[in-house]
């Protein structure tokens, strides 16, 4: 706890600073303004001449300034807070907590990409790129498909082709 030795009744403004962090208390209007971001650094609005730092850490070290503006002048008090002791080390278990979500996200992305690629490659037929399995619509007659040249798995290909032809003929109304 840092205490600015002053009476609240004599002061018009009390300002605490540490680096770019500022707390200002206007006693006449009973207004407070602060940009202190740490939950551990607190200034009680009822006692603005006291700065409380709970659970002091190495980040809290630095120059603290209390500036009290009175009707007849300004008084500045400074403290250089040093934190001794060994800084808290981050244990491997803490690293694990930070790394685990990243690894899970990466694995999910890889798995999703692999599934999409597998489905895309599985849906593609062997002759789809070669142009040999193209279907042509002849005028007034049924749609005819050219036979594949390689002869592999012809029974499956013929069944698929037949089902496709039936669907295609039903769409165009050719029976």
C-alpha atoms as a PDB file:
ATOM      1  CA  UNK A   1       0.000   0.000   0.000  1.00  0.00           C
ATOM      2  CA  UNK A   2       1.356   3.405  -0.988  1.00  0.00           C
ATOM      3  CA  UNK A   3       0.004   6.379   0.993  1.00  0.00           C
ATOM      4  CA  UNK A   4       0.114   9.999  -0.050  1.00  0.00           C
ATOM      5  CA  UNK A   5       0.319  11.859   3.289  1.00  0.00           C
ATOM      6  CA  UNK A   6      -2.352  14.449   2.751  1.00  0.00           C
ATOM      7  CA  UNK A   7      -5.786  15.303   3.952  1.00  0.00           C
ATOM      8  CA  UNK A   8      -8.609  14.891   1.485  1.00  0.00           C
ATOM      9  CA  UNK A   9     -10.210  18.114   2.746  1.00  0.00           C
ATOM     10  CA  UNK A  10      -7.234  20.269   1.705  1.00  0.00           C
ATOM     11  CA  UNK A  11      -6.845  18.731  -1.738  1.00  0.00           C
ATOM     12  CA  UNK A  12      -8.748  19.674  -4.896  1.00  0.00           C
ATOM     13  CA  UNK A  13      -7.189  16.942  -7.085  1.00  0.00           C
ATOM     14  CA  UNK A  14      -5.321  13.756  -6.236  1.00  0.00           C
ATOM     15  CA  UNK A  15      -3.551  12.063  -9.132  1.00  0.00           C
ATOM     16  CA  UNK A  16      -1.703   8.740  -9.151  1.00  0.00           C
ATOM     17  CA  UNK A  17       0.509   7.799 -12.102  1.00  0.00           C
ATOM     18  CA  UNK A  18       2.683   4.871 -13.099  1.00  0.00           C
ATOM     19  CA  UNK A  19       4.006   5.100 -16.643  1.00  0.00           C
ATOM     20  CA  UNK A  20       0.946   5.819 -18.803  1.00  0.00           C
ATOM     21  CA  UNK A  21      -1.575   4.685 -16.178  1.00  0.00           C
ATOM     22  CA  UNK A  22      -3.374   7.533 -14.439  1.00  0.00           C
ATOM     23  CA  UNK A  23      -5.963   7.807 -11.668  1.00  0.00           C
ATOM     24  CA  UNK A  24      -7.448  11.218 -10.918  1.00  0.00           C
ATOM     25  CA  UNK A  25      -9.823  12.103  -8.087  1.00  0.00           C
ATOM     26  CA  UNK A  26     -11.516  15.516  -8.087  1.00  0.00           C
ATOM     27  CA  UNK A  27     -12.476  16.135  -4.447  1.00  0.00           C
ATOM     28  CA  UNK A  28     -14.721  19.127  -5.091  1.00  0.00           C
ATOM     29  CA  UNK A  29     -16.953  17.228  -7.534  1.00  0.00           C
ATOM     30  CA  UNK A  30     -16.264  13.775  -6.014  1.00  0.00           C
ATOM     31  CA  UNK A  31     -15.418  12.394  -9.493  1.00  0.00           C
ATOM     32  CA  UNK A  32     -12.919   9.659 -10.378  1.00  0.00           C
ATOM     33  CA  UNK A  33     -11.196   8.962 -13.672  1.00  0.00           C
ATOM     34  CA  UNK A  34      -8.804   6.088 -14.281  1.00  0.00           C
ATOM     35  CA  UNK A  35      -7.101   4.087 -17.007  1.00  0.00           C
ATOM     36  CA  UNK A  36      -5.455   1.579 -14.664  1.00  0.00           C
ATOM     37  CA  UNK A  37      -6.013  -1.743 -16.430  1.00  0.00           C
ATOM     38  CA  UNK A  38      -4.863  -4.096 -13.697  1.00  0.00           C
ATOM     39  CA  UNK A  39      -7.470  -5.512 -11.354  1.00  0.00           C
ATOM     40  CA  UNK A  40      -4.756  -5.800  -8.711  1.00  0.00           C
ATOM     41  CA  UNK A  41      -4.075  -2.033  -8.574  1.00  0.00           C
ATOM     42  CA  UNK A  42      -6.918  -0.287  -6.794  1.00  0.00           C
ATOM     43  CA  UNK A  43      -7.576   3.138  -5.404  1.00  0.00           C
ATOM     44  CA  UNK A  44     -10.492   3.459  -3.046  1.00  0.00           C
ATOM     45  CA  UNK A  45     -12.624   6.466  -4.115  1.00  0.00           C
ATOM     46  CA  UNK A  46     -13.379   7.111  -0.422  1.00  0.00           C
ATOM     47  CA  UNK A  47      -9.660   7.241   0.347  1.00  0.00           C
ATOM     48  CA  UNK A  48      -7.935   8.361  -2.894  1.00  0.00           C
ATOM     49  CA  UNK A  49      -4.656   9.066  -1.125  1.00  0.00           C
ATOM     50  CA  UNK A  50      -4.033   5.287  -0.788  1.00  0.00           C
ATOM     51  CA  UNK A  51      -2.910   3.063  -3.646  1.00  0.00           C
ATOM     52  CA  UNK A  52      -3.352  -0.661  -2.983  1.00  0.00           C
ATOM     53  CA  UNK A  53      -1.513  -3.288  -5.032  1.00  0.00           C
ATOM     54  CA  UNK A  54      -2.563  -6.839  -4.254  1.00  0.00           C
ATOM     55  CA  UNK A  55      -0.499  -9.875  -5.226  1.00  0.00           C
ATOM     56  CA  UNK A  56       2.508  -7.786  -6.293  1.00  0.00           C
ATOM     57  CA  UNK A  57       4.239  -9.069  -9.428  1.00  0.00           C
ATOM     58  CA  UNK A  58       7.336  -8.051 -11.388  1.00  0.00           C
ATOM     59  CA  UNK A  59       5.156  -6.052 -13.819  1.00  0.00           C
ATOM     60  CA  UNK A  60       4.196  -3.764 -10.931  1.00  0.00           C
ATOM     61  CA  UNK A  61       7.759  -2.534 -10.446  1.00  0.00           C
ATOM     62  CA  UNK A  62       8.379   1.058 -11.450  1.00  0.00           C
ATOM     63  CA  UNK A  63       7.989   4.698 -10.463  1.00  0.00           C
ATOM     64  CA  UNK A  64       4.681   5.645  -8.827  1.00  0.00           C
ATOM     65  CA  UNK A  65       3.804   9.303  -8.398  1.00  0.00           C
ATOM     66  CA  UNK A  66       1.158  10.889  -6.215  1.00  0.00           C
ATOM     67  CA  UNK A  67       0.387  14.476  -7.129  1.00  0.00           C
ATOM     68  CA  UNK A  68      -1.878  16.411  -4.768  1.00  0.00           C
ATOM     69  CA  UNK A  69      -3.168  19.774  -5.969  1.00  0.00           C
ATOM     70  CA  UNK A  70      -4.289  22.145  -3.232  1.00  0.00           C
ATOM     71  CA  UNK A  71      -5.645  25.651  -3.239  1.00  0.00           C
ATOM     72  CA  UNK A  72      -2.167  27.014  -2.493  1.00  0.00           C
ATOM     73  CA  UNK A  73       0.085  24.725  -4.483  1.00  0.00           C
ATOM     74  CA  UNK A  74       0.977  21.254  -5.572  1.00  0.00           C
ATOM     75  CA  UNK A  75       2.761  18.476  -3.705  1.00  0.00           C
ATOM     76  CA  UNK A  76       4.373  15.523  -5.472  1.00  0.00           C
ATOM     77  CA  UNK A  77       5.456  12.313  -3.770  1.00  0.00           C
ATOM     78  CA  UNK A  78       7.272   9.538  -5.631  1.00  0.00           C
ATOM     79  CA  UNK A  79       7.954   5.887  -4.861  1.00  0.00           C
ATOM     80  CA  UNK A  80      10.207   3.582  -6.804  1.00  0.00           C
ATOM     81  CA  UNK A  81       8.719   0.145  -6.290  1.00  0.00           C
ATOM     82  CA  UNK A  82      11.132  -2.727  -6.741  1.00  0.00           C
ATOM     83  CA  UNK A  83       9.948  -6.299  -6.629  1.00  0.00           C
ATOM     84  CA  UNK A  84      12.526  -8.735  -5.370  1.00  0.00           C
ATOM     85  CA  UNK A  85      12.419 -12.456  -5.588  1.00  0.00           C
ATOM     86  CA  UNK A  86      12.423 -14.890  -8.405  1.00  0.00           C
ATOM     87  CA  UNK A  87       9.819 -14.214 -11.096  1.00  0.00           C
ATOM     88  CA  UNK A  88       7.137 -16.838 -11.408  1.00  0.00           C
ATOM     89  CA  UNK A  89       8.184 -19.327 -14.026  1.00  0.00           C
ATOM     90  CA  UNK A  90       5.725 -20.718 -16.484  1.00  0.00           C
ATOM     91  CA  UNK A  91       5.611 -24.441 -15.963  1.00  0.00           C
ATOM     92  CA  UNK A  92       5.356 -26.905 -18.850  1.00  0.00           C
ATOM     93  CA  UNK A  93       1.781 -27.651 -17.797  1.00  0.00           C
ATOM     94  CA  UNK A  94       0.888 -24.002 -18.522  1.00  0.00           C
ATOM     95  CA  UNK A  95       2.518 -24.254 -21.936  1.00  0.00           C
ATOM     96  CA  UNK A  96       0.421 -27.330 -22.527  1.00  0.00           C
ATOM     97  CA  UNK A  97      -2.753 -25.343 -21.839  1.00  0.00           C
ATOM     98  CA  UNK A  98      -1.737 -22.734 -24.427  1.00  0.00           C
ATOM     99  CA  UNK A  99      -0.555 -25.210 -27.056  1.00  0.00           C
ATOM    100  CA  UNK A 100      -3.348 -27.798 -26.777  1.00  0.00           C
ATOM    101  CA  UNK A 101      -6.118 -25.664 -28.385  1.00  0.00           C
ATOM    102  CA  UNK A 102      -3.762 -24.715 -31.229  1.00  0.00           C
ATOM    103  CA  UNK A 103      -2.862 -28.333 -31.911  1.00  0.00           C
ATOM    104  CA  UNK A 104      -6.504 -29.445 -31.788  1.00  0.00           C
ATOM    105  CA  UNK A 105      -7.497 -26.677 -34.205  1.00  0.00           C
ATOM    106  CA  UNK A 106      -4.682 -27.582 -36.588  1.00  0.00           C
ATOM    107  CA  UNK A 107      -5.609 -31.267 -36.520  1.00  0.00           C
ATOM    108  CA  UNK A 108      -9.287 -30.470 -37.147  1.00  0.00           C
ATOM    109  CA  UNK A 109      -8.342 -28.333 -40.152  1.00  0.00           C
ATOM    110  CA  UNK A 110      -6.118 -31.102 -41.551  1.00  0.00           C
ATOM    111  CA  UNK A 111      -8.782 -33.763 -40.971  1.00  0.00           C
ATOM    112  CA  UNK A 112     -11.479 -31.634 -42.620  1.00  0.00           C
ATOM    113  CA  UNK A 113      -9.245 -30.930 -45.610  1.00  0.00           C
ATOM    114  CA  UNK A 114      -8.403 -34.627 -45.967  1.00  0.00           C
ATOM    115  CA  UNK A 115     -12.077 -35.624 -45.851  1.00  0.00           C
ATOM    116  CA  UNK A 116     -13.002 -33.014 -48.476  1.00  0.00           C
ATOM    117  CA  UNK A 117     -10.151 -34.095 -50.743  1.00  0.00           C
ATOM    118  CA  UNK A 118     -11.069 -37.772 -50.334  1.00  0.00           C
ATOM    119  CA  UNK A 119     -14.705 -37.090 -51.223  1.00  0.00           C
ATOM    120  CA  UNK A 120     -13.707 -35.058 -54.249  1.00  0.00           C
ATOM    121  CA  UNK A 121     -11.337 -37.724 -55.541  1.00  0.00           C
ATOM    122  CA  UNK A 122     -13.793 -40.536 -54.787  1.00  0.00           C
ATOM    123  CA  UNK A 123     -16.607 -38.828 -56.717  1.00  0.00           C
ATOM    124  CA  UNK A 124     -14.386 -38.505 -59.805  1.00  0.00           C
ATOM    125  CA  UNK A 125     -14.476 -41.429 -62.284  1.00  0.00           C
ATOM    126  CA  UNK A 126     -11.293 -42.627 -64.032  1.00  0.00           C
ATOM    127  CA  UNK A 127     -12.412 -41.441 -67.492  1.00  0.00           C
ATOM    128  CA  UNK A 128     -13.876 -38.131 -66.390  1.00  0.00           C
ATOM    129  CA  UNK A 129     -10.855 -36.078 -67.444  1.00  0.00           C
ATOM    130  CA  UNK A 130     -10.076 -37.881 -70.710  1.00  0.00           C
ATOM    131  CA  UNK A 131     -13.214 -36.871 -72.578  1.00  0.00           C
ATOM    132  CA  UNK A 132     -13.946 -40.481 -73.605  1.00  0.00           C
ATOM    133  CA  UNK A 133     -17.015 -40.755 -71.436  1.00  0.00           C
ATOM    134  CA  UNK A 134     -18.828 -37.717 -72.818  1.00  0.00           C
ATOM    135  CA  UNK A 135     -22.539 -38.010 -73.590  1.00  0.00           C
ATOM    136  CA  UNK A 136     -24.073 -36.647 -76.750  1.00  0.00           C
ATOM    137  CA  UNK A 137     -27.706 -35.938 -77.508  1.00  0.00           C
ATOM    138  CA  UNK A 138     -28.704 -37.029 -80.979  1.00  0.00           C
ATOM    139  CA  UNK A 139     -31.729 -35.406 -82.562  1.00  0.00           C
ATOM    140  CA  UNK A 140     -34.956 -37.326 -82.016  1.00  0.00           C
ATOM    141  CA  UNK A 141     -33.280 -40.404 -80.572  1.00  0.00           C
ATOM    142  CA  UNK A 142     -32.133 -41.676 -77.235  1.00  0.00           C
ATOM    143  CA  UNK A 143     -28.928 -40.351 -75.687  1.00  0.00           C
ATOM    144  CA  UNK A 144     -26.018 -42.661 -76.428  1.00  0.00           C
ATOM    145  CA  UNK A 145     -22.758 -42.960 -74.499  1.00  0.00           C
ATOM    146  CA  UNK A 146     -19.400 -43.953 -75.913  1.00  0.00           C
ATOM    147  CA  UNK A 147     -17.819 -47.060 -74.355  1.00  0.00           C
ATOM    148  CA  UNK A 148     -14.647 -46.622 -72.292  1.00  0.00           C
ATOM    149  CA  UNK A 149     -11.452 -47.795 -73.954  1.00  0.00           C
ATOM    150  CA  UNK A 150      -9.668 -49.361 -70.995  1.00  0.00           C
ATOM    151  CA  UNK A 151     -12.302 -52.056 -70.213  1.00  0.00           C
ATOM    152  CA  UNK A 152     -11.709 -52.002 -66.431  1.00  0.00           C
ATOM    153  CA  UNK A 153     -14.695 -52.586 -64.223  1.00  0.00           C
ATOM    154  CA  UNK A 154     -17.050 -52.463 -67.208  1.00  0.00           C
ATOM    155  CA  UNK A 155     -19.991 -53.961 -65.346  1.00  0.00           C
ATOM    156  CA  UNK A 156     -19.961 -51.148 -62.751  1.00  0.00           C
ATOM    157  CA  UNK A 157     -19.412 -48.522 -65.427  1.00  0.00           C
ATOM    158  CA  UNK A 158     -22.246 -49.919 -67.551  1.00  0.00           C
ATOM    159  CA  UNK A 159     -24.622 -49.925 -64.570  1.00  0.00           C
ATOM    160  CA  UNK A 160     -23.753 -46.322 -63.697  1.00  0.00           C
ATOM    161  CA  UNK A 161     -24.042 -45.289 -67.316  1.00  0.00           C
ATOM    162  CA  UNK A 162     -27.421 -46.992 -67.609  1.00  0.00           C
ATOM    163  CA  UNK A 163     -28.737 -45.251 -64.502  1.00  0.00           C
ATOM    164  CA  UNK A 164     -27.427 -41.935 -65.768  1.00  0.00           C
ATOM    165  CA  UNK A 165     -29.020 -42.497 -69.177  1.00  0.00           C
ATOM    166  CA  UNK A 166     -32.384 -43.284 -67.570  1.00  0.00           C
ATOM    167  CA  UNK A 167     -32.255 -40.052 -65.546  1.00  0.00           C
ATOM    168  CA  UNK A 168     -31.103 -38.014 -68.508  1.00  0.00           C
ATOM    169  CA  UNK A 169     -33.809 -39.452 -70.792  1.00  0.00           C
ATOM    170  CA  UNK A 170     -36.511 -38.802 -68.203  1.00  0.00           C
ATOM    171  CA  UNK A 171     -35.384 -35.164 -67.938  1.00  0.00           C
ATOM    172  CA  UNK A 172     -35.455 -34.547 -71.692  1.00  0.00           C
ATOM    173  CA  UNK A 173     -38.547 -36.691 -72.247  1.00  0.00           C
ATOM    174  CA  UNK A 174     -36.867 -39.107 -74.675  1.00  0.00           C
ATOM    175  CA  UNK A 175     -38.114 -42.693 -74.134  1.00  0.00           C
END
